[in-house]
Amino acid sequence: MKILVAVKQVPDTATQVKIGADPRAIDTAGITWIVSPYDEFAVEEALRIKEKRGQAEVVAVSLGPERAKEALRACLAMGCDRAIHVNDPALAEADTLATARALAAVAKQEAPQLVLCGRQAIDDDMGAVPAQLADLLGWPCASWIMEETIDVDGKSIRVARQVEGGLEVFDLPLPAVLTAQKGLNEPRYPTLKGIMGAKKKEIKDLKAADLGVAAEPPQLSVVALEALPPRPPGRIIQGDVPTAVKELVRALREEAKAI
C-alpha cells in the first residue's frame, strides 16, 4: 500500500504575526516555520497504518518555496519513506484550487491507495484543499476523522468522526482522501536516528511542467490583511461586594452589551 500525505509549512503557533510592507502578506522576518499541526496527525496516522499492515510506503508531499523542504525533512525524520517538493515560482501565488490541482497531478503520478491531509492549515484556516483534491481525483472524501480502519484486502476503509453525542461512521472504497482531526492520534517525536536518517532520504523536486499543470491566475486572492484592534484595558470595580456586583451587571448590560 502507498499512502500520500499532503503537508504545509506554516508559522509556529507561538509566532507574533505582523503584517509586512505588502499588506497582502505577513512579515516573514524572524519567523520559525513548522509543519501545520493537523498535518502532523495525518503523518502519524499514515505511519501507524504502515506499522499495522507491516508493508506500506509513506510519501510526504508539499507545495511551497525552498524553505518548505524543512517541513518535509521533519516528516522524513518522523518516519516517512520519501518526499516530493513541488517548488515552482509559477505557483507562488497558488490559491487552494491551484494547490489542489498540483497535488492531484502528484497523486496521479504516484497512484497511492490513500491520501491523508490535515483538516486545515493553521495559517489561513481555509480547509478547502482536501475536498478540492478529492473532487479533482474523483475519489471519496471524509473530513475531520477521529478513527480509521482499513480492511485486510486494502480495498475499503471505515472512518469515524465526532458528532454531538457519539461518532458518525462511514465506509469508503479506496482510493480515498481523508483529513485528520485532533484526537485521531498523538504524533511521535522524531528520534535522533530518525533525524540523521532523514538527511539520506530522497526529496524529489518537481516543477509545474513536470506535473503537466499550467500556471493560471488565482481565482481567489488576498486583498489585504488587517491587524485585530487592540483589546481595551480591563477595569477593576471598587466597593463592597453587593455594590461591585450591581456595577458589574450594569457595565455588562449597558457598556459591553454582553447580557
C-alpha atoms as a PDB file:
ATOM      1  CA  MET A   1       0.000   0.000   0.000  1.00  0.00           C
ATOM      2  CA  LYS A   2       1.170   3.530  -0.787  1.00  0.00           C
ATOM      3  CA  ILE A   3      -0.007   6.465   1.311  1.00  0.00           C
ATOM      4  CA  LEU A   4       0.464  10.070   0.204  1.00  0.00           C
ATOM      5  CA  VAL A   5       0.450  12.700   2.956  1.00  0.00           C
ATOM      6  CA  ALA A   6      -0.004  16.343   1.979  1.00  0.00           C
ATOM      7  CA  VAL A   7       1.669  18.773   4.382  1.00  0.00           C
ATOM      8  CA  LYS A   8       2.041  22.532   4.570  1.00  0.00           C
ATOM      9  CA  GLN A   9       4.741  24.623   6.222  1.00  0.00           C
ATOM     10  CA  VAL A  10       3.253  27.353   8.430  1.00  0.00           C
ATOM     11  CA  PRO A  11       4.483  29.878  11.017  1.00  0.00           C
ATOM     12  CA  ASP A  12       4.967  28.468  14.511  1.00  0.00           C
ATOM     13  CA  THR A  13       1.870  28.821  16.676  1.00  0.00           C
ATOM     14  CA  ALA A  14       3.888  30.974  19.113  1.00  0.00           C
ATOM     15  CA  THR A  15       4.803  33.470  16.388  1.00  0.00           C
ATOM     16  CA  GLN A  16       3.719  37.075  16.855  1.00  0.00           C
ATOM     17  CA  VAL A  17       2.389  37.692  13.352  1.00  0.00           C
ATOM     18  CA  LYS A  18       2.984  41.114  11.835  1.00  0.00           C
ATOM     19  CA  ILE A  19       1.717  42.471   8.548  1.00  0.00           C
ATOM     20  CA  GLY A  20       4.508  43.031   6.036  1.00  0.00           C
ATOM     21  CA  ALA A  21       5.315  46.000   3.840  1.00  0.00           C
ATOM     22  CA  ASP A  22       2.973  44.416   1.317  1.00  0.00           C
ATOM     23  CA  PRO A  23      -0.373  44.486   3.190  1.00  0.00           C
ATOM     24  CA  ARG A  24      -1.398  41.269   1.461  1.00  0.00           C
ATOM     25  CA  ALA A  25       1.207  39.195   3.318  1.00  0.00           C
ATOM     26  CA  ILE A  26       2.810  38.811   6.732  1.00  0.00           C
ATOM     27  CA  ASP A  27       6.334  39.890   7.629  1.00  0.00           C
ATOM     28  CA  THR A  28       8.359  36.649   7.495  1.00  0.00           C
ATOM     29  CA  ALA A  29      11.479  38.074   9.181  1.00  0.00           C
ATOM     30  CA  GLY A  30      12.453  36.027  12.210  1.00  0.00           C
ATOM     31  CA  ILE A  31       9.591  33.536  11.844  1.00  0.00           C
ATOM     32  CA  THR A  32      10.092  29.919  12.893  1.00  0.00           C
ATOM     33  CA  TRP A  33       8.390  27.586  10.418  1.00  0.00           C
ATOM     34  CA  ILE A  34       6.781  24.255  11.328  1.00  0.00           C
ATOM     35  CA  VAL A  35       4.612  21.516   9.844  1.00  0.00           C
ATOM     36  CA  SER A  36       0.973  22.514  10.305  1.00  0.00           C
ATOM     37  CA  PRO A  37      -0.143  20.619  13.457  1.00  0.00           C
ATOM     38  CA  TYR A  38      -3.166  18.969  11.829  1.00  0.00           C
ATOM     39  CA  ASP A  39      -0.847  17.690   9.095  1.00  0.00           C
ATOM     40  CA  GLU A  40       1.258  16.046  11.804  1.00  0.00           C
ATOM     41  CA  PHE A  41      -1.783  13.993  12.802  1.00  0.00           C
ATOM     42  CA  ALA A  42      -2.062  12.901   9.155  1.00  0.00           C
ATOM     43  CA  VAL A  43       1.621  11.914   9.019  1.00  0.00           C
ATOM     44  CA  GLU A  44       1.353   9.978  12.277  1.00  0.00           C
ATOM     45  CA  GLU A  45      -1.729   8.097  11.084  1.00  0.00           C
ATOM     46  CA  ALA A  46      -0.006   7.137   7.846  1.00  0.00           C
ATOM     47  CA  LEU A  47       2.952   5.780   9.828  1.00  0.00           C
ATOM     48  CA  ARG A  48       0.632   3.831  12.124  1.00  0.00           C
ATOM     49  CA  ILE A  49      -1.124   2.280   9.133  1.00  0.00           C
ATOM     50  CA  LYS A  50       2.276   1.259   7.762  1.00  0.00           C
ATOM     51  CA  GLU A  51       3.269  -0.299  11.094  1.00  0.00           C
ATOM     52  CA  LYS A  52      -0.056  -2.086  11.454  1.00  0.00           C
ATOM     53  CA  ARG A  53      -0.035  -3.530   7.939  1.00  0.00           C
ATOM     54  CA  GLY A  54       3.661  -4.359   8.020  1.00  0.00           C
ATOM     55  CA  GLN A  55       4.254  -3.238   4.463  1.00  0.00           C
ATOM     56  CA  ALA A  56       3.492   0.197   3.059  1.00  0.00           C
ATOM     57  CA  GLU A  57       5.205   3.271   1.672  1.00  0.00           C
ATOM     58  CA  VAL A  58       4.511   6.711   3.135  1.00  0.00           C
ATOM     59  CA  VAL A  59       5.289   9.656   0.861  1.00  0.00           C
ATOM     60  CA  ALA A  60       5.098  13.256   2.112  1.00  0.00           C
ATOM     61  CA  VAL A  61       4.330  15.978  -0.437  1.00  0.00           C
ATOM     62  CA  SER A  62       4.335  19.755  -0.068  1.00  0.00           C
ATOM     63  CA  LEU A  63       3.933  22.747  -2.335  1.00  0.00           C
ATOM     64  CA  GLY A  64       5.934  25.815  -1.390  1.00  0.00           C
ATOM     65  CA  PRO A  65       9.218  27.722  -1.615  1.00  0.00           C
ATOM     66  CA  GLU A  66      12.657  26.265  -0.882  1.00  0.00           C
ATOM     67  CA  ARG A  67      12.178  26.533   2.895  1.00  0.00           C
ATOM     68  CA  ALA A  68       9.309  24.017   2.668  1.00  0.00           C
ATOM     69  CA  LYS A  69      11.995  21.324   2.476  1.00  0.00           C
ATOM     70  CA  GLU A  70      12.432  21.815   6.240  1.00  0.00           C
ATOM     71  CA  ALA A  71       8.858  20.621   6.751  1.00  0.00           C
ATOM     72  CA  LEU A  72       9.449  17.638   4.503  1.00  0.00           C
ATOM     73  CA  ARG A  73      12.654  16.765   6.405  1.00  0.00           C
ATOM     74  CA  ALA A  74      10.623  16.822   9.617  1.00  0.00           C
ATOM     75  CA  CYS A  75       8.179  14.332   8.079  1.00  0.00           C
ATOM     76  CA  LEU A  76      11.059  12.124   6.942  1.00  0.00           C
ATOM     77  CA  ALA A  77      12.520  12.266  10.469  1.00  0.00           C
ATOM     78  CA  MET A  78       9.166  11.059  11.840  1.00  0.00           C
ATOM     79  CA  GLY A  79       9.384   8.044   9.547  1.00  0.00           C
ATOM     80  CA  CYS A  80       8.108   8.882   6.059  1.00  0.00           C
ATOM     81  CA  ASP A  81       9.964   6.923   3.366  1.00  0.00           C
ATOM     82  CA  ARG A  82      10.478   9.746   0.876  1.00  0.00           C
ATOM     83  CA  ALA A  83       9.163  13.185  -0.012  1.00  0.00           C
ATOM     84  CA  ILE A  84       8.090  15.257  -3.003  1.00  0.00           C
ATOM     85  CA  HIS A  85       8.549  19.018  -3.148  1.00  0.00           C
ATOM     86  CA  VAL A  86       6.521  20.958  -5.709  1.00  0.00           C
ATOM     87  CA  ASN A  87       8.698  24.066  -5.907  1.00  0.00           C
ATOM     88  CA  ASP A  88       7.979  26.428  -8.786  1.00  0.00           C
ATOM     89  CA  PRO A  89       7.876  30.262  -8.780  1.00  0.00           C
ATOM     90  CA  ALA A  90       4.967  29.965 -11.212  1.00  0.00           C
ATOM     91  CA  LEU A  91       2.908  28.506  -8.348  1.00  0.00           C
ATOM     92  CA  ALA A  92       3.991  31.070  -5.752  1.00  0.00           C
ATOM     93  CA  GLU A  93       0.575  32.752  -5.822  1.00  0.00           C
ATOM     94  CA  ALA A  94      -1.364  29.481  -5.998  1.00  0.00           C
ATOM     95  CA  ASP A  95      -4.782  29.560  -4.349  1.00  0.00           C
ATOM     96  CA  THR A  96      -6.448  26.467  -2.894  1.00  0.00           C
ATOM     97  CA  LEU A  97      -7.692  25.234  -6.270  1.00  0.00           C
ATOM     98  CA  ALA A  98      -4.291  25.603  -7.953  1.00  0.00           C
ATOM     99  CA  THR A  99      -2.707  23.827  -4.986  1.00  0.00           C
ATOM    100  CA  ALA A 100      -5.248  21.023  -5.241  1.00  0.00           C
ATOM    101  CA  ARG A 101      -4.560  20.685  -8.976  1.00  0.00           C
ATOM    102  CA  ALA A 102      -0.826  20.343  -8.335  1.00  0.00           C
ATOM    103  CA  LEU A 103      -1.401  17.768  -5.583  1.00  0.00           C
ATOM    104  CA  ALA A 104      -3.858  15.881  -7.787  1.00  0.00           C
ATOM    105  CA  ALA A 105      -1.200  15.688 -10.513  1.00  0.00           C
ATOM    106  CA  VAL A 106       1.262  14.281  -7.973  1.00  0.00           C
ATOM    107  CA  ALA A 107      -1.355  11.746  -6.839  1.00  0.00           C
ATOM    108  CA  LYS A 108      -1.946  10.627 -10.414  1.00  0.00           C
ATOM    109  CA  GLN A 109       1.797  10.070 -10.881  1.00  0.00           C
ATOM    110  CA  GLU A 110       2.237   8.262  -7.561  1.00  0.00           C
ATOM    111  CA  ALA A 111      -1.047   6.277  -7.665  1.00  0.00           C
ATOM    112  CA  PRO A 112      -1.496   5.950  -3.865  1.00  0.00           C
ATOM    113  CA  GLN A 113      -4.308   3.946  -2.291  1.00  0.00           C
ATOM    114  CA  LEU A 114      -4.865   6.669   0.311  1.00  0.00           C
ATOM    115  CA  VAL A 115      -4.243  10.408   0.632  1.00  0.00           C
ATOM    116  CA  LEU A 116      -4.129  11.906   4.123  1.00  0.00           C
ATOM    117  CA  CYS A 117      -4.272  15.628   4.902  1.00  0.00           C
ATOM    118  CA  GLY A 118      -4.752  17.776   7.970  1.00  0.00           C
ATOM    119  CA  ARG A 119      -8.279  19.092   8.380  1.00  0.00           C
ATOM    120  CA  GLN A 120      -6.974  22.625   7.693  1.00  0.00           C
ATOM    121  CA  ALA A 121      -3.761  24.637   7.768  1.00  0.00           C
ATOM    122  CA  ILE A 122      -3.435  26.837  10.832  1.00  0.00           C
ATOM    123  CA  ASP A 123      -2.193  29.886   8.918  1.00  0.00           C
ATOM    124  CA  ASP A 124      -5.170  30.633   6.673  1.00  0.00           C
ATOM    125  CA  ASP A 125      -7.689  28.116   8.118  1.00  0.00           C
ATOM    126  CA  MET A 126      -9.152  27.561   4.644  1.00  0.00           C
ATOM    127  CA  GLY A 127      -9.650  23.798   4.883  1.00  0.00           C
ATOM    128  CA  ALA A 128     -10.555  23.701   1.180  1.00  0.00           C
ATOM    129  CA  VAL A 129      -7.680  21.795  -0.460  1.00  0.00           C
ATOM    130  CA  PRO A 130      -8.558  18.206   0.622  1.00  0.00           C
ATOM    131  CA  ALA A 131     -12.134  18.364  -0.700  1.00  0.00           C
ATOM    132  CA  GLN A 132     -10.983  20.034  -3.932  1.00  0.00           C
ATOM    133  CA  LEU A 133      -8.265  17.402  -4.300  1.00  0.00           C
ATOM    134  CA  ALA A 134     -10.765  14.573  -3.848  1.00  0.00           C
ATOM    135  CA  ASP A 135     -13.119  16.134  -6.388  1.00  0.00           C
ATOM    136  CA  LEU A 136     -10.347  16.514  -8.976  1.00  0.00           C
ATOM    137  CA  LEU A 137      -9.351  12.865  -8.478  1.00  0.00           C
ATOM    138  CA  GLY A 138     -12.945  11.636  -8.411  1.00  0.00           C
ATOM    139  CA  TRP A 139     -12.317   9.939  -5.052  1.00  0.00           C
ATOM    140  CA  PRO A 140     -14.500   9.837  -1.940  1.00  0.00           C
ATOM    141  CA  CYS A 141     -13.532  12.184   0.876  1.00  0.00           C
ATOM    142  CA  ALA A 142     -14.119  12.063   4.638  1.00  0.00           C
ATOM    143  CA  SER A 143     -13.179  15.027   6.808  1.00  0.00           C
ATOM    144  CA  TRP A 144     -12.259  15.526  10.467  1.00  0.00           C
ATOM    145  CA  ILE A 145     -11.816  11.813  11.149  1.00  0.00           C
ATOM    146  CA  MET A 146     -11.189  10.531  14.674  1.00  0.00           C
ATOM    147  CA  GLU A 147     -10.785   6.824  13.817  1.00  0.00           C
ATOM    148  CA  GLU A 148      -9.907   4.758  10.750  1.00  0.00           C
ATOM    149  CA  THR A 149      -9.601   1.070   9.931  1.00  0.00           C
ATOM    150  CA  ILE A 150      -8.510  -0.328   6.568  1.00  0.00           C
ATOM    151  CA  ASP A 151      -9.882  -3.762   5.686  1.00  0.00           C
ATOM    152  CA  VAL A 152      -7.481  -6.670   5.227  1.00  0.00           C
ATOM    153  CA  ASP A 153      -7.579  -6.639   1.418  1.00  0.00           C
ATOM    154  CA  GLY A 154      -6.927  -2.884   1.301  1.00  0.00           C
ATOM    155  CA  LYS A 155      -9.962  -2.139  -0.837  1.00  0.00           C
ATOM    156  CA  SER A 156     -12.060  -0.148   1.635  1.00  0.00           C
ATOM    157  CA  ILE A 157     -11.722   1.903   4.795  1.00  0.00           C
ATOM    158  CA  ARG A 158     -14.037   2.586   7.732  1.00  0.00           C
ATOM    159  CA  VAL A 159     -13.719   6.032   9.291  1.00  0.00           C
ATOM    160  CA  ALA A 160     -15.470   7.786  12.151  1.00  0.00           C
ATOM    161  CA  ARG A 161     -15.817  11.432  13.036  1.00  0.00           C
ATOM    162  CA  GLN A 162     -17.148  13.017  16.176  1.00  0.00           C
ATOM    163  CA  VAL A 163     -20.665  14.389  16.290  1.00  0.00           C
ATOM    164  CA  GLU A 164     -22.723  15.521  19.238  1.00  0.00           C
ATOM    165  CA  GLY A 165     -23.271  12.522  21.470  1.00  0.00           C
ATOM    166  CA  GLY A 166     -21.156   9.987  19.567  1.00  0.00           C
ATOM    167  CA  LEU A 167     -19.337   9.027  16.376  1.00  0.00           C
ATOM    168  CA  GLU A 168     -20.545   9.118  12.786  1.00  0.00           C
ATOM    169  CA  VAL A 169     -19.193   6.079  10.882  1.00  0.00           C
ATOM    170  CA  PHE A 170     -18.604   5.812   7.125  1.00  0.00           C
ATOM    171  CA  ASP A 171     -17.383   3.006   4.859  1.00  0.00           C
ATOM    172  CA  LEU A 172     -15.455   4.280   1.837  1.00  0.00           C
ATOM    173  CA  PRO A 173     -13.908   2.460  -1.115  1.00  0.00           C
ATOM    174  CA  LEU A 174     -10.219   3.056  -1.696  1.00  0.00           C
ATOM    175  CA  PRO A 175      -8.538   5.114  -3.032  1.00  0.00           C
ATOM    176  CA  ALA A 176      -9.874   7.972  -0.903  1.00  0.00           C
ATOM    177  CA  VAL A 177      -8.907  11.290   0.673  1.00  0.00           C
ATOM    178  CA  LEU A 178      -9.131  11.718   4.461  1.00  0.00           C
ATOM    179  CA  THR A 179      -8.496  14.738   6.668  1.00  0.00           C
ATOM    180  CA  ALA A 180      -7.164  14.274  10.194  1.00  0.00           C
ATOM    181  CA  GLN A 181      -8.611  15.891  13.295  1.00  0.00           C
ATOM    182  CA  LYS A 182      -7.010  16.438  16.697  1.00  0.00           C
ATOM    183  CA  GLY A 183      -7.636  13.317  18.785  1.00  0.00           C
ATOM    184  CA  LEU A 184      -7.011  10.888  15.937  1.00  0.00           C
ATOM    185  CA  ASN A 185      -3.604  10.110  17.459  1.00  0.00           C
ATOM    186  CA  GLU A 186      -0.635  11.622  19.267  1.00  0.00           C
ATOM    187  CA  PRO A 187       2.155  12.497  16.799  1.00  0.00           C
ATOM    188  CA  ARG A 188       5.515  10.979  17.658  1.00  0.00           C
ATOM    189  CA  TYR A 189       8.679  12.972  18.261  1.00  0.00           C
ATOM    190  CA  PRO A 190      11.470  12.276  15.769  1.00  0.00           C
ATOM    191  CA  THR A 191      14.297  10.237  17.267  1.00  0.00           C
ATOM    192  CA  LEU A 192      17.962  11.138  16.797  1.00  0.00           C
ATOM    193  CA  LYS A 193      18.237   8.124  14.488  1.00  0.00           C
ATOM    194  CA  GLY A 194      15.249   9.372  12.514  1.00  0.00           C
ATOM    195  CA  ILE A 195      16.676  12.884  12.219  1.00  0.00           C
ATOM    196  CA  MET A 196      20.018  11.566  10.983  1.00  0.00           C
ATOM    197  CA  GLY A 197      18.338   9.128   8.623  1.00  0.00           C
ATOM    198  CA  ALA A 198      16.142  11.874   7.155  1.00  0.00           C
ATOM    199  CA  LYS A 199      19.251  13.505   5.677  1.00  0.00           C
ATOM    200  CA  LYS A 200      19.750  10.470   3.434  1.00  0.00           C
ATOM    201  CA  LYS A 201      16.159  10.104   2.282  1.00  0.00           C
ATOM    202  CA  GLU A 202      15.007  11.390  -1.088  1.00  0.00           C
ATOM    203  CA  ILE A 203      13.218  14.695  -1.581  1.00  0.00           C
ATOM    204  CA  LYS A 204      12.170  14.843  -5.215  1.00  0.00           C
ATOM    205  CA  ASP A 205      11.799  18.329  -6.717  1.00  0.00           C
ATOM    206  CA  LEU A 206       9.029  18.863  -9.237  1.00  0.00           C
ATOM    207  CA  LYS A 207       8.074  21.851 -11.348  1.00  0.00           C
ATOM    208  CA  ALA A 208       4.646  22.682 -12.727  1.00  0.00           C
ATOM    209  CA  ALA A 209       5.778  21.429 -16.143  1.00  0.00           C
ATOM    210  CA  ASP A 210       6.753  18.054 -14.649  1.00  0.00           C
ATOM    211  CA  LEU A 211       3.170  17.673 -13.466  1.00  0.00           C
ATOM    212  CA  GLY A 212       1.520  18.995 -16.611  1.00  0.00           C
ATOM    213  CA  VAL A 213      -0.013  21.797 -14.564  1.00  0.00           C
ATOM    214  CA  ALA A 214      -0.463  25.173 -16.207  1.00  0.00           C
ATOM    215  CA  ALA A 215       0.174  28.240 -14.063  1.00  0.00           C
ATOM    216  CA  GLU A 216      -3.095  30.188 -14.114  1.00  0.00           C
ATOM    217  CA  PRO A 217      -4.122  33.434 -12.415  1.00  0.00           C
ATOM    218  CA  PRO A 218      -5.572  32.587  -8.990  1.00  0.00           C
ATOM    219  CA  GLN A 219      -9.356  32.676  -8.704  1.00  0.00           C
ATOM    220  CA  LEU A 220      -9.005  33.623  -5.050  1.00  0.00           C
ATOM    221  CA  SER A 221      -6.629  36.350  -3.930  1.00  0.00           C
ATOM    222  CA  VAL A 222      -5.896  38.218  -0.711  1.00  0.00           C
ATOM    223  CA  VAL A 223      -6.847  41.896  -0.938  1.00  0.00           C
ATOM    224  CA  ALA A 224      -5.322  42.959   2.374  1.00  0.00           C
ATOM    225  CA  LEU A 225      -4.559  41.758   5.883  1.00  0.00           C
ATOM    226  CA  GLU A 226      -5.640  43.798   8.885  1.00  0.00           C
ATOM    227  CA  ALA A 227      -4.433  43.500  12.461  1.00  0.00           C
ATOM    228  CA  LEU A 228      -7.025  42.964  15.162  1.00  0.00           C
ATOM    229  CA  PRO A 229      -7.914  46.150  17.029  1.00  0.00           C
ATOM    230  CA  PRO A 230      -6.141  46.451  20.389  1.00  0.00           C
ATOM    231  CA  ARG A 231      -8.066  44.988  23.285  1.00  0.00           C
ATOM    232  CA  PRO A 232      -9.330  47.701  25.640  1.00  0.00           C
ATOM    233  CA  PRO A 233      -7.754  47.657  29.110  1.00  0.00           C
ATOM    234  CA  GLY A 234      -9.527  45.879  31.920  1.00  0.00           C
ATOM    235  CA  ARG A 235     -11.282  47.732  34.711  1.00  0.00           C
ATOM    236  CA  ILE A 236     -11.300  46.925  38.399  1.00  0.00           C
ATOM    237  CA  ILE A 237     -14.636  47.586  40.076  1.00  0.00           C
ATOM    238  CA  GLN A 238     -14.207  49.038  43.524  1.00  0.00           C
ATOM    239  CA  GLY A 239     -16.521  48.857  46.527  1.00  0.00           C
ATOM    240  CA  ASP A 240     -18.100  46.217  48.729  1.00  0.00           C
ATOM    241  CA  VAL A 241     -19.411  43.002  47.154  1.00  0.00           C
ATOM    242  CA  PRO A 242     -23.121  43.972  46.739  1.00  0.00           C
ATOM    243  CA  THR A 243     -22.173  47.334  45.204  1.00  0.00           C
ATOM    244  CA  ALA A 244     -19.492  45.797  42.955  1.00  0.00           C
ATOM    245  CA  VAL A 245     -21.911  43.122  41.705  1.00  0.00           C
ATOM    246  CA  LYS A 246     -24.535  45.727  40.790  1.00  0.00           C
ATOM    247  CA  GLU A 247     -21.935  47.801  38.966  1.00  0.00           C
ATOM    248  CA  LEU A 248     -20.606  44.731  37.138  1.00  0.00           C
ATOM    249  CA  VAL A 249     -24.085  43.759  35.942  1.00  0.00           C
ATOM    250  CA  ARG A 250     -24.768  47.326  34.824  1.00  0.00           C
ATOM    251  CA  ALA A 251     -21.447  47.502  32.938  1.00  0.00           C
ATOM    252  CA  LEU A 252     -22.053  44.153  31.233  1.00  0.00           C
ATOM    253  CA  ARG A 253     -25.546  45.208  30.196  1.00  0.00           C
ATOM    254  CA  GLU A 254     -25.057  48.845  29.222  1.00  0.00           C
ATOM    255  CA  GLU A 255     -21.402  49.114  28.220  1.00  0.00           C
ATOM    256  CA  ALA A 256     -20.294  45.687  26.991  1.00  0.00           C
ATOM    257  CA  LYS A 257     -23.793  44.720  25.748  1.00  0.00           C
ATOM    258  CA  ALA A 258     -22.952  41.175  26.863  1.00  0.00           C
ATOM    259  CA  ILE A 259     -26.219  40.497  28.725  1.00  0.00           C
END
